[in-house]
C-alpha atoms as a PDB file:
ATOM      1  CA  MET A   1      41.301   4.753  49.389  1.00  0.00           C
ATOM      2  CA  SER A   2      44.589   5.810  47.761  1.00  0.00           C
ATOM      3  CA  ALA A   3      47.346   3.286  47.124  1.00  0.00           C
ATOM      4  CA  VAL A   4      50.043   2.768  49.737  1.00  0.00           C
ATOM      5  CA  VAL A   5      53.364   4.382  48.816  1.00  0.00           C
ATOM      6  CA  THR A   6      56.419   3.516  50.909  1.00  0.00           C
ATOM      7  CA  ARG A   7      60.113   4.198  50.449  1.00  0.00           C
ATOM      8  CA  PHE A   8      63.565   3.032  51.477  1.00  0.00           C
ATOM      9  CA  ALA A   9      66.041   5.897  51.795  1.00  0.00           C
ATOM     10  CA  PRO A  10      69.605   4.844  52.662  1.00  0.00           C
ATOM     11  CA  SER A  11      72.642   7.113  52.658  1.00  0.00           C
ATOM     12  CA  PRO A  12      75.494   5.958  50.376  1.00  0.00           C
ATOM     13  CA  THR A  13      78.125   6.373  53.079  1.00  0.00           C
ATOM     14  CA  GLY A  14      78.863   2.663  53.394  1.00  0.00           C
ATOM     15  CA  LEU A  15      77.647  -0.804  52.481  1.00  0.00           C
ATOM     16  CA  LEU A  16      74.157  -2.014  53.345  1.00  0.00           C
ATOM     17  CA  HIS A  17      74.095  -4.441  56.269  1.00  0.00           C
ATOM     18  CA  ILE A  18      71.551  -6.905  57.593  1.00  0.00           C
ATOM     19  CA  GLY A  19      69.752  -4.159  59.532  1.00  0.00           C
ATOM     20  CA  HIS A  20      69.252  -2.193  56.324  1.00  0.00           C
ATOM     21  CA  ALA A  21      67.859  -5.323  54.706  1.00  0.00           C
ATOM     22  CA  HIS A  22      65.283  -5.604  57.485  1.00  0.00           C
ATOM     23  CA  SER A  23      64.185  -1.982  57.065  1.00  0.00           C
ATOM     24  CA  ALA A  24      64.000  -2.267  53.285  1.00  0.00           C
ATOM     25  CA  LEU A  25      61.957  -5.459  53.518  1.00  0.00           C
ATOM     26  CA  VAL A  26      59.507  -3.856  55.952  1.00  0.00           C
ATOM     27  CA  GLY A  27      58.760  -1.050  53.492  1.00  0.00           C
ATOM     28  CA  TRP A  28      58.784  -3.282  50.406  1.00  0.00           C
ATOM     29  CA  ARG A  29      56.370  -5.791  51.923  1.00  0.00           C
ATOM     30  CA  ALA A  30      53.997  -3.068  53.153  1.00  0.00           C
ATOM     31  CA  ALA A  31      53.758  -1.668  49.636  1.00  0.00           C
ATOM     32  CA  ARG A  32      53.562  -4.953  47.756  1.00  0.00           C
ATOM     33  CA  GLU A  33      50.958  -6.540  50.045  1.00  0.00           C
ATOM     34  CA  ALA A  34      48.742  -3.477  49.547  1.00  0.00           C
ATOM     35  CA  GLY A  35      49.283  -3.378  45.794  1.00  0.00           C
ATOM     36  CA  GLY A  36      51.061  -0.040  46.180  1.00  0.00           C
ATOM     37  CA  CYS A  37      54.401   1.504  45.248  1.00  0.00           C
ATOM     38  CA  PHE A  38      57.830   1.044  46.776  1.00  0.00           C
ATOM     39  CA  LEU A  39      60.275   3.881  46.098  1.00  0.00           C
ATOM     40  CA  LEU A  40      64.039   4.057  46.450  1.00  0.00           C
ATOM     41  CA  ARG A  41      65.773   7.280  47.443  1.00  0.00           C
ATOM     42  CA  LEU A  42      69.465   7.966  48.019  1.00  0.00           C
ATOM     43  CA  GLU A  43      70.014  10.497  50.793  1.00  0.00           C
ATOM     44  CA  ASP A  44      73.412  11.795  49.714  1.00  0.00           C
ATOM     45  CA  ILE A  45      73.434  15.353  51.054  1.00  0.00           C
ATOM     46  CA  ASP A  46      76.596  14.632  53.056  1.00  0.00           C
ATOM     47  CA  ARG A  47      78.919  15.103  50.093  1.00  0.00           C
ATOM     48  CA  ALA A  48      82.038  14.560  52.224  1.00  0.00           C
ATOM     49  CA  ARG A  49      81.061  10.999  53.174  1.00  0.00           C
ATOM     50  CA  CYS A  50      78.893   9.786  50.293  1.00  0.00           C
ATOM     51  CA  ARG A  51      80.540   7.792  47.504  1.00  0.00           C
ATOM     52  CA  PRO A  52      79.273   6.770  44.026  1.00  0.00           C
ATOM     53  CA  GLY A  53      80.581   3.272  44.661  1.00  0.00           C
ATOM     54  CA  PHE A  54      78.351   2.893  47.708  1.00  0.00           C
ATOM     55  CA  ALA A  55      75.353   4.171  45.743  1.00  0.00           C
ATOM     56  CA  ALA A  56      75.952   1.544  43.053  1.00  0.00           C
ATOM     57  CA  ALA A  57      76.371  -1.136  45.726  1.00  0.00           C
ATOM     58  CA  ILE A  58      73.000  -0.235  47.280  1.00  0.00           C
ATOM     59  CA  LEU A  59      71.168  -0.827  44.006  1.00  0.00           C
ATOM     60  CA  ARG A  60      73.088  -4.051  43.397  1.00  0.00           C
ATOM     61  CA  ASP A  61      72.462  -5.424  46.897  1.00  0.00           C
ATOM     62  CA  LEU A  62      68.735  -4.656  46.868  1.00  0.00           C
ATOM     63  CA  ALA A  63      68.286  -6.296  43.469  1.00  0.00           C
ATOM     64  CA  TRP A  64      70.214  -9.371  44.655  1.00  0.00           C
ATOM     65  CA  LEU A  65      68.003  -9.522  47.748  1.00  0.00           C
ATOM     66  CA  GLY A  66      64.973  -9.710  45.466  1.00  0.00           C
ATOM     67  CA  LEU A  67      63.575  -6.217  46.034  1.00  0.00           C
ATOM     68  CA  ASP A  68      62.313  -4.164  43.135  1.00  0.00           C
ATOM     69  CA  TRP A  69      61.275  -0.517  43.216  1.00  0.00           C
ATOM     70  CA  ASP A  70      58.952   1.680  41.212  1.00  0.00           C
ATOM     71  CA  GLY A  71      60.100   4.573  39.058  1.00  0.00           C
ATOM     72  CA  ALA A  72      63.426   6.345  39.032  1.00  0.00           C
ATOM     73  CA  VAL A  73      65.684   6.520  42.080  1.00  0.00           C
ATOM     74  CA  ARG A  74      65.495   9.964  43.662  1.00  0.00           C
ATOM     75  CA  VAL A  75      68.977  11.293  44.463  1.00  0.00           C
ATOM     76  CA  GLN A  76      68.830  14.142  46.954  1.00  0.00           C
ATOM     77  CA  SER A  77      71.915  15.979  45.683  1.00  0.00           C
ATOM     78  CA  GLU A  78      70.098  16.486  42.373  1.00  0.00           C
ATOM     79  CA  HIS A  79      67.229  18.349  44.028  1.00  0.00           C
ATOM     80  CA  PHE A  80      68.790  21.091  46.139  1.00  0.00           C
ATOM     81  CA  ALA A  81      66.440  23.615  44.496  1.00  0.00           C
ATOM     82  CA  ASP A  82      63.467  21.907  46.151  1.00  0.00           C
ATOM     83  CA  TYR A  83      65.009  22.319  49.581  1.00  0.00           C
ATOM     84  CA  ARG A  84      66.028  25.908  48.841  1.00  0.00           C
ATOM     85  CA  ALA A  85      62.406  26.721  48.010  1.00  0.00           C
ATOM     86  CA  ALA A  86      61.289  25.249  51.340  1.00  0.00           C
ATOM     87  CA  LEU A  87      63.934  27.249  53.214  1.00  0.00           C
ATOM     88  CA  ASP A  88      62.849  30.433  51.450  1.00  0.00           C
ATOM     89  CA  ARG A  89      59.287  29.839  52.550  1.00  0.00           C
ATOM     90  CA  LEU A  90      60.300  29.300  56.161  1.00  0.00           C
ATOM     91  CA  ASP A  91      62.521  32.359  56.028  1.00  0.00           C
ATOM     92  CA  ALA A  92      59.638  34.449  54.711  1.00  0.00           C
ATOM     93  CA  LEU A  93      57.709  33.423  57.832  1.00  0.00           C
ATOM     94  CA  GLY A  94      60.564  34.741  59.982  1.00  0.00           C
ATOM     95  CA  LEU A  95      61.326  31.299  61.408  1.00  0.00           C
ATOM     96  CA  LEU A  96      65.011  30.895  60.533  1.00  0.00           C
ATOM     97  CA  TYR A  97      68.095  32.406  62.103  1.00  0.00           C
ATOM     98  CA  PRO A  98      71.802  31.919  61.404  1.00  0.00           C
ATOM     99  CA  CYS A  99      73.841  30.227  64.097  1.00  0.00           C
ATOM    100  CA  PHE A 100      77.594  30.815  64.190  1.00  0.00           C
ATOM    101  CA  CYS A 101      78.384  28.526  67.120  1.00  0.00           C
ATOM    102  CA  THR A 102      80.835  25.710  66.597  1.00  0.00           C
ATOM    103  CA  ARG A 103      80.039  22.299  68.043  1.00  0.00           C
ATOM    104  CA  THR A 104      82.855  22.817  70.528  1.00  0.00           C
ATOM    105  CA  ALA A 105      81.423  26.151  71.665  1.00  0.00           C
ATOM    106  CA  ILE A 106      77.962  24.644  72.073  1.00  0.00           C
ATOM    107  CA  ARG A 107      79.305  21.790  74.190  1.00  0.00           C
ATOM    108  CA  ALA A 108      81.234  24.250  76.346  1.00  0.00           C
ATOM    109  CA  GLU A 109      78.224  26.489  76.923  1.00  0.00           C
ATOM    110  CA  VAL A 110      75.997  23.546  77.753  1.00  0.00           C
ATOM    111  CA  THR A 111      78.600  22.180  80.175  1.00  0.00           C
ATOM    112  CA  GLN A 112      78.833  25.521  81.967  1.00  0.00           C
ATOM    113  CA  ALA A 113      75.071  25.947  82.268  1.00  0.00           C
ATOM    114  CA  ALA A 114      73.768  24.882  85.647  1.00  0.00           C
ATOM    115  CA  ALA A 115      70.478  23.554  84.311  1.00  0.00           C
ATOM    116  CA  ALA A 116      70.839  23.161  80.558  1.00  0.00           C
ATOM    117  CA  PRO A 117      67.603  21.885  79.008  1.00  0.00           C
ATOM    118  CA  HIS A 118      67.816  18.318  77.713  1.00  0.00           C
ATOM    119  CA  GLY A 119      66.000  16.597  74.881  1.00  0.00           C
ATOM    120  CA  VAL A 120      65.927  13.117  73.422  1.00  0.00           C
ATOM    121  CA  ASP A 121      69.590  13.238  72.370  1.00  0.00           C
ATOM    122  CA  GLY A 122      71.037  15.012  75.379  1.00  0.00           C
ATOM    123  CA  ALA A 123      71.522  18.717  76.083  1.00  0.00           C
ATOM    124  CA  LEU A 124      69.733  21.011  73.644  1.00  0.00           C
ATOM    125  CA  TYR A 125      71.320  23.850  71.712  1.00  0.00           C
ATOM    126  CA  PRO A 126      70.982  26.842  74.076  1.00  0.00           C
ATOM    127  CA  SER A 127      69.733  29.227  71.341  1.00  0.00           C
ATOM    128  CA  THR A 128      72.823  31.399  71.722  1.00  0.00           C
ATOM    129  CA  CYS A 129      72.495  33.072  68.320  1.00  0.00           C
ATOM    130  CA  ARG A 130      68.739  33.513  68.242  1.00  0.00           C
ATOM    131  CA  GLY A 131      68.981  36.986  69.742  1.00  0.00           C
ATOM    132  CA  LEU A 132      71.736  38.361  67.495  1.00  0.00           C
ATOM    133  CA  SER A 133      70.831  41.618  65.772  1.00  0.00           C
ATOM    134  CA  LEU A 134      70.515  41.799  61.994  1.00  0.00           C
ATOM    135  CA  PRO A 135      73.689  43.932  61.686  1.00  0.00           C
ATOM    136  CA  GLU A 136      75.638  41.437  63.796  1.00  0.00           C
ATOM    137  CA  ARG A 137      74.417  38.526  61.655  1.00  0.00           C
ATOM    138  CA  ALA A 138      75.358  40.365  58.471  1.00  0.00           C
ATOM    139  CA  ALA A 139      78.789  41.278  59.825  1.00  0.00           C
ATOM    140  CA  ARG A 140      79.618  37.707  60.782  1.00  0.00           C
ATOM    141  CA  ARG A 141      78.546  36.371  57.402  1.00  0.00           C
ATOM    142  CA  LYS A 142      80.555  39.050  55.623  1.00  0.00           C
ATOM    143  CA  ALA A 143      83.586  38.040  57.666  1.00  0.00           C
ATOM    144  CA  GLY A 144      83.250  34.523  56.288  1.00  0.00           C
ATOM    145  CA  ALA A 145      82.189  32.817  59.491  1.00  0.00           C
ATOM    146  CA  ALA A 146      80.724  29.335  59.194  1.00  0.00           C
ATOM    147  CA  TRP A 147      77.004  29.263  59.902  1.00  0.00           C
ATOM    148  CA  ALA A 148      73.997  27.010  60.139  1.00  0.00           C
ATOM    149  CA  LEU A 149      70.368  27.951  59.632  1.00  0.00           C
ATOM    150  CA  ARG A 150      68.275  26.945  62.639  1.00  0.00           C
ATOM    151  CA  LEU A 151      64.516  26.742  62.988  1.00  0.00           C
ATOM    152  CA  ASP A 152      63.007  28.844  65.773  1.00  0.00           C
ATOM    153  CA  VAL A 153      60.825  26.018  67.043  1.00  0.00           C
ATOM    154  CA  ALA A 154      58.921  27.972  69.711  1.00  0.00           C
ATOM    155  CA  LYS A 155      58.000  30.672  67.201  1.00  0.00           C
ATOM    156  CA  ALA A 156      56.986  28.032  64.680  1.00  0.00           C
ATOM    157  CA  LEU A 157      54.706  26.297  67.190  1.00  0.00           C
ATOM    158  CA  ALA A 158      53.028  29.611  67.927  1.00  0.00           C
ATOM    159  CA  LEU A 159      51.962  29.609  64.260  1.00  0.00           C
ATOM    160  CA  THR A 160      50.856  25.990  63.984  1.00  0.00           C
ATOM    161  CA  GLY A 161      49.339  25.211  67.340  1.00  0.00           C
ATOM    162  CA  THR A 162      48.955  21.625  68.551  1.00  0.00           C
ATOM    163  CA  LEU A 163      49.968  18.924  66.065  1.00  0.00           C
ATOM    164  CA  TRP A 164      49.551  15.146  65.878  1.00  0.00           C
ATOM    165  CA  TRP A 165      50.605  12.209  63.766  1.00  0.00           C
ATOM    166  CA  GLU A 166      49.505   8.565  63.504  1.00  0.00           C
ATOM    167  CA  ASP A 167      51.964   5.752  64.111  1.00  0.00           C
ATOM    168  CA  GLU A 168      50.853   2.183  63.429  1.00  0.00           C
ATOM    169  CA  ARG A 169      52.585   0.934  66.588  1.00  0.00           C
ATOM    170  CA  ALA A 170      52.302   3.922  68.956  1.00  0.00           C
ATOM    171  CA  GLY A 171      48.873   5.174  67.897  1.00  0.00           C
ATOM    172  CA  ARG A 172      48.033   8.880  67.899  1.00  0.00           C
ATOM    173  CA  VAL A 173      51.120  10.846  68.940  1.00  0.00           C
ATOM    174  CA  ALA A 174      51.155  14.472  70.067  1.00  0.00           C
ATOM    175  CA  ALA A 175      54.014  16.289  68.352  1.00  0.00           C
ATOM    176  CA  ASP A 176      56.510  17.860  70.760  1.00  0.00           C
ATOM    177  CA  PRO A 177      59.256  19.369  68.586  1.00  0.00           C
ATOM    178  CA  LEU A 178      60.575  21.449  71.486  1.00  0.00           C
ATOM    179  CA  ARG A 179      62.208  18.275  72.766  1.00  0.00           C
ATOM    180  CA  LEU A 180      64.693  18.524  69.875  1.00  0.00           C
ATOM    181  CA  GLY A 181      65.379  22.252  70.240  1.00  0.00           C
ATOM    182  CA  ASP A 182      66.137  24.667  67.403  1.00  0.00           C
ATOM    183  CA  VAL A 183      67.310  22.089  64.863  1.00  0.00           C
ATOM    184  CA  VAL A 184      69.634  22.847  61.955  1.00  0.00           C
ATOM    185  CA  LEU A 185      67.907  22.951  58.558  1.00  0.00           C
ATOM    186  CA  ALA A 186      70.905  23.924  56.405  1.00  0.00           C
ATOM    187  CA  ARG A 187      74.577  24.849  56.656  1.00  0.00           C
ATOM    188  CA  LYS A 188      76.858  27.195  54.766  1.00  0.00           C
ATOM    189  CA  GLU A 189      78.421  24.272  52.909  1.00  0.00           C
ATOM    190  CA  THR A 190      75.312  22.030  52.767  1.00  0.00           C
ATOM    191  CA  PRO A 191      72.043  23.573  51.515  1.00  0.00           C
ATOM    192  CA  THR A 192      69.765  21.241  53.470  1.00  0.00           C
ATOM    193  CA  SER A 193      69.637  18.894  56.443  1.00  0.00           C
ATOM    194  CA  TYR A 194      68.161  15.454  56.976  1.00  0.00           C
ATOM    195  CA  HIS A 195      65.076  16.898  58.682  1.00  0.00           C
ATOM    196  CA  LEU A 196      64.217  19.273  55.855  1.00  0.00           C
ATOM    197  CA  ALA A 197      65.165  17.036  52.933  1.00  0.00           C
ATOM    198  CA  VAL A 198      63.293  13.966  54.132  1.00  0.00           C
ATOM    199  CA  THR A 199      60.137  15.968  54.849  1.00  0.00           C
ATOM    200  CA  VAL A 200      60.153  17.666  51.449  1.00  0.00           C
ATOM    201  CA  ASP A 201      61.012  14.451  49.603  1.00  0.00           C
ATOM    202  CA  ASP A 202      58.277  12.394  51.235  1.00  0.00           C
ATOM    203  CA  ALA A 203      55.716  15.008  50.186  1.00  0.00           C
ATOM    204  CA  LEU A 204      57.009  15.405  46.624  1.00  0.00           C
ATOM    205  CA  GLN A 205      57.136  11.651  46.116  1.00  0.00           C
ATOM    206  CA  GLY A 206      53.648  11.085  47.510  1.00  0.00           C
ATOM    207  CA  VAL A 207      54.791   8.796  50.317  1.00  0.00           C
ATOM    208  CA  SER A 208      51.710   7.788  52.307  1.00  0.00           C
ATOM    209  CA  LEU A 209      53.343   5.385  54.789  1.00  0.00           C
ATOM    210  CA  VAL A 210      56.798   6.117  56.203  1.00  0.00           C
ATOM    211  CA  THR A 211      58.438   2.900  57.376  1.00  0.00           C
ATOM    212  CA  ARG A 212      61.710   3.372  59.246  1.00  0.00           C
ATOM    213  CA  GLY A 213      63.530   2.337  62.407  1.00  0.00           C
ATOM    214  CA  GLU A 214      62.322   3.354  65.834  1.00  0.00           C
ATOM    215  CA  ASP A 215      65.596   5.243  66.323  1.00  0.00           C
ATOM    216  CA  LEU A 216      64.052   7.933  64.102  1.00  0.00           C
ATOM    217  CA  PHE A 217      60.792   8.157  66.055  1.00  0.00           C
ATOM    218  CA  ALA A 218      61.843  11.357  67.850  1.00  0.00           C
ATOM    219  CA  ALA A 219      62.743  13.052  64.551  1.00  0.00           C
ATOM    220  CA  THR A 220      59.095  12.806  63.526  1.00  0.00           C
ATOM    221  CA  HIS A 221      58.241  15.545  66.039  1.00  0.00           C
ATOM    222  CA  ILE A 222      60.226  17.996  63.904  1.00  0.00           C
ATOM    223  CA  HIS A 223      59.034  16.531  60.609  1.00  0.00           C
ATOM    224  CA  ARG A 224      55.410  17.005  61.653  1.00  0.00           C
ATOM    225  CA  LEU A 225      56.118  20.652  62.453  1.00  0.00           C
ATOM    226  CA  LEU A 226      57.768  21.212  59.063  1.00  0.00           C
ATOM    227  CA  GLN A 227      54.811  19.585  57.309  1.00  0.00           C
ATOM    228  CA  ALA A 228      52.446  22.036  58.984  1.00  0.00           C
ATOM    229  CA  LEU A 229      54.619  25.066  58.228  1.00  0.00           C
ATOM    230  CA  LEU A 230      55.048  24.105  54.560  1.00  0.00           C
ATOM    231  CA  ASP A 231      51.432  22.939  54.021  1.00  0.00           C
ATOM    232  CA  LEU A 232      52.555  19.411  53.173  1.00  0.00           C
ATOM    233  CA  PRO A 233      50.457  16.231  53.466  1.00  0.00           C
ATOM    234  CA  VAL A 234      50.917  14.109  56.572  1.00  0.00           C
ATOM    235  CA  PRO A 235      51.742  10.421  55.974  1.00  0.00           C
ATOM    236  CA  ARG A 236      51.166   7.605  58.418  1.00  0.00           C
ATOM    237  CA  TYR A 237      54.212   6.193  60.168  1.00  0.00           C
ATOM    238  CA  ARG A 238      55.452   2.742  61.098  1.00  0.00           C
ATOM    239  CA  HIS A 239      58.578   2.945  63.236  1.00  0.00           C
ATOM    240  CA  HIS A 240      59.733  -0.656  63.397  1.00  0.00           C
ATOM    241  CA  PRO A 241      62.021  -2.189  66.045  1.00  0.00           C
ATOM    242  CA  LEU A 242      65.699  -2.290  65.108  1.00  0.00           C
ATOM    243  CA  LEU A 243      67.348  -5.551  64.232  1.00  0.00           C
ATOM    244  CA  VAL A 244      70.024  -6.332  66.828  1.00  0.00           C
ATOM    245  CA  ASP A 245      72.714  -8.957  67.294  1.00  0.00           C
ATOM    246  CA  ALA A 246      72.836 -11.641  69.976  1.00  0.00           C
ATOM    247  CA  GLY A 247      74.294  -9.109  72.411  1.00  0.00           C
ATOM    248  CA  GLY A 248      71.450  -6.652  71.845  1.00  0.00           C
ATOM    249  CA  ARG A 249      73.589  -4.220  69.834  1.00  0.00           C
ATOM    250  CA  ARG A 250      72.111  -2.587  66.757  1.00  0.00           C
ATOM    251  CA  TYR A 251      73.868  -3.293  63.490  1.00  0.00           C
ATOM    252  CA  ALA A 252      76.012  -0.530  61.989  1.00  0.00           C
ATOM    253  CA  LYS A 253      77.954   0.072  58.794  1.00  0.00           C
ATOM    254  CA  ARG A 254      81.154  -0.795  60.628  1.00  0.00           C
ATOM    255  CA  ASP A 255      79.883  -4.396  60.895  1.00  0.00           C
ATOM    256  CA  ARG A 256      81.417  -5.274  57.564  1.00  0.00           C
ATOM    257  CA  ALA A 257      81.101  -9.027  58.064  1.00  0.00           C
ATOM    258  CA  LEU A 258      77.329  -8.602  58.014  1.00  0.00           C
ATOM    259  CA  SER A 259      77.178  -6.353  54.976  1.00  0.00           C
ATOM    260  CA  LEU A 260      75.035  -7.790  52.199  1.00  0.00           C
ATOM    261  CA  SER A 261      77.998  -7.867  49.834  1.00  0.00           C
ATOM    262  CA  ALA A 262      80.088  -9.822  52.380  1.00  0.00           C
ATOM    263  CA  LEU A 263      77.274 -12.291  52.998  1.00  0.00           C
ATOM    264  CA  ARG A 264      76.873 -12.776  49.259  1.00  0.00           C
ATOM    265  CA  ALA A 265      80.617 -13.268  48.829  1.00  0.00           C
ATOM    266  CA  CYS A 266      80.731 -15.998  51.468  1.00  0.00           C
ATOM    267  CA  GLY A 267      77.996 -17.951  49.729  1.00  0.00           C
ATOM    268  CA  ARG A 268      74.823 -16.881  51.491  1.00  0.00           C
ATOM    269  CA  THR A 269      71.728 -16.950  49.292  1.00  0.00           C
ATOM    270  CA  PRO A 270      69.113 -14.162  49.089  1.00  0.00           C
ATOM    271  CA  GLN A 271      66.660 -16.523  50.795  1.00  0.00           C
ATOM    272  CA  GLU A 272      69.022 -17.075  53.711  1.00  0.00           C
ATOM    273  CA  VAL A 273      69.710 -13.362  54.088  1.00  0.00           C
ATOM    274  CA  ARG A 274      66.001 -12.532  54.048  1.00  0.00           C
ATOM    275  CA  ALA A 275      65.559 -15.003  56.898  1.00  0.00           C
ATOM    276  CA  MET A 276      68.504 -13.468  58.784  1.00  0.00           C
ATOM    277  CA  ALA A 277      66.853 -10.057  58.303  1.00  0.00           C
ATOM    278  CA  GLY A 278      63.747 -11.198  60.144  1.00  0.00           C
ATOM    279  CA  PHE A 279      61.652 -12.603  57.330  1.00  0.00           C
ATOM    280  CA  PRO A 280      61.933 -16.405  57.735  1.00  0.00           C
ATOM    281  CA  GLU A 281      58.655 -16.907  55.869  1.00  0.00           C
ATOM    282  CA  TRP A 282      60.559 -15.955  52.714  1.00  0.00           C
ATOM    283  CA  ALA A 283      63.506 -18.264  53.347  1.00  0.00           C
ATOM    284  CA  GLY A 284      62.315 -20.754  50.794  1.00  0.00           C
ATOM    285  CA  SER A 285      61.024 -18.382  48.117  1.00  0.00           C
END
């Protein structure tokens, strides 16, 4: 049986908080208890919001917390060629189309539709641009219009057929990517999206167990489809419950008082923070 490989993949758009600590500890413990590898990846494709200072803080906070990782840190912005290759392959299959709709236009069209289809995150993109002719697409690009590359999910499913994945909490799950609609895989100004980059990265890094919050469970429907289309290995998944405050609200980067750096500054020890993050058995180690 191959060694377990997990990863923690934060975005350097803010400081790590106690919820991040919980997620990182879940992946780190899964790898270390199995004698496997724990990888660190910085998902910094959003160049407008990501900051080098936050990236440095992530490494500092994890080390202070007592987490170590194996090998070099993978930084997504250094690997755009990998995502471009994946896009080219999908394009060669005829599965991508440019979308020129603004978010405002999409919201307006969905609002006007009498029975707009809904998915896990609300109304789905109504596939407005899927039927544009090749000359019309070329003309809009030549005119400098902003665009996003979307995946034709129905056409993709016709190629792959029925798909499944294994989740350690939910069991065998039938993939239903239609519930997310024709997702964006790249934009004019950003050569990849979360869905594409995370799927490609997990395969290239040999991740065998994806540990992440249950808020990303639905995204796995699309990731499983991309794995099949790109002939990538399928990891197991463990979507853990989110850490929440006393009022039942999930922690967010705006909760600066509960950032790891703030907790450290006010005198909290790594042992205390590990306990706060849901690992009281490590409070005294």
